Amino acid sequence: MTHAIRIHETGGPEVLRYEEVHVGEPGPGRVRVRHTAIGLNFIDVYHRTGLYPLPLPSVIGQEAAGVVEAVGPGVTALAVGDRVAYCGVVGAYAEQALLPADRLIRVPPGVSDEQAAAMMLKGLTAQYLVRRTHRVTPGETILVHAAAGGVGLILCQWAKALGATVIGTVSSEDKAALARENGCDHVILYTHEPVVERVRALTGGEGVPVVYDAVGKDTFAASLDCLRPLGLMVTYGNSSGPVPPLSPTILGQKGSLFLTRPTLGTYIARRADLEAAAGELFEVVAAGKVRITIGQRYPLAEAARAHRDLEARKTTASTILLP
């Protein structure tokens, strides 16, 4: 028997139960992985609360690294002992898991298991945001909300490496310092400063071509006002709650704006896209253009405490759970 964090009903952190579970042997196209580090992400909160429903009971979590312990029939690309990482497959909050082989990526030498677990979902999210949703180019100025968060720190570093000027928003002086150390040219403390006015001042009144917003309800309206005409609003998270319904005419009134709500699952649905995105991510990390910062580590059994700290915005950078 092995242990996992499961939910039997949705709700607060108290619904996370540390239980014994049976994993078994891998079937065709699957492998059994012993996790060595597990990533914590806000989508885990959405699954726990029921915002993104899962069949119950369910092991939650979508990001981890570990070692292949067994391979099922038909699996030829992986072998026992391989170090692997993945994201986007539910069931990561566990000591062991059965996983589809075609969703696993080998971890290259020089990248630790903890780094891999901390960067797969967040790093691949940053990759599609700056390389595909809006292809960041040298000389442009962009706005990143939650700049000191797990995705934010990677996104800001990557955009800076691509030649952009990066404006980040944060909630505290400590987070502001962290954002500056990780690619932000300008940091706005949204708890003390008017975001729209500061962005307009920093861009000579023009606004930015793109806003990357993982916060949702609390920042959405102001984000639209930070965009220049024909700008792109990228809302990719809901840490403050989902964005209320809006009329498309608002986008026209504010300058023929574009709005997208992307998800990582769509961008890496094809194996070729997953491999290409992971390759780019490992490349920028290996080159030192992007540093993976782990701000917190919790025992897997204390996942509820990790969730409380995440929701209270007490965490910075990436957070991992250790089996």
Foldseek 3Di string as FASTA:
>chain_A
DWWFWKAQDADALVRTAIDDDDADQEAPQKFKWFFFWAFDDVVQNCPRRVVPDDPPGFGAGFWTKGFTCHDYPPDDPDDGGFIWIFGDDTHRRIRMHIGRPLRIDTDDPPADRHLRNLQQQLVLVLLCVCPPPPPQAAPFEEEEELLFAANNLQNQLVSVVRHYAYEYEDADPVSVVSSVVRRHPHYHNVVPDPPQVVLCVVVVNQAGQEYEAAQAQVCVVSNLSRHGAQHEYEHAHHLPHHHDDDDPVVCVVSHVYHYDHDDSCVQPVDSVSSVVSVVVSVVCCVVVSHDQDEFEEEASNVVSVVSVCVSVVVTGHIYMHGD
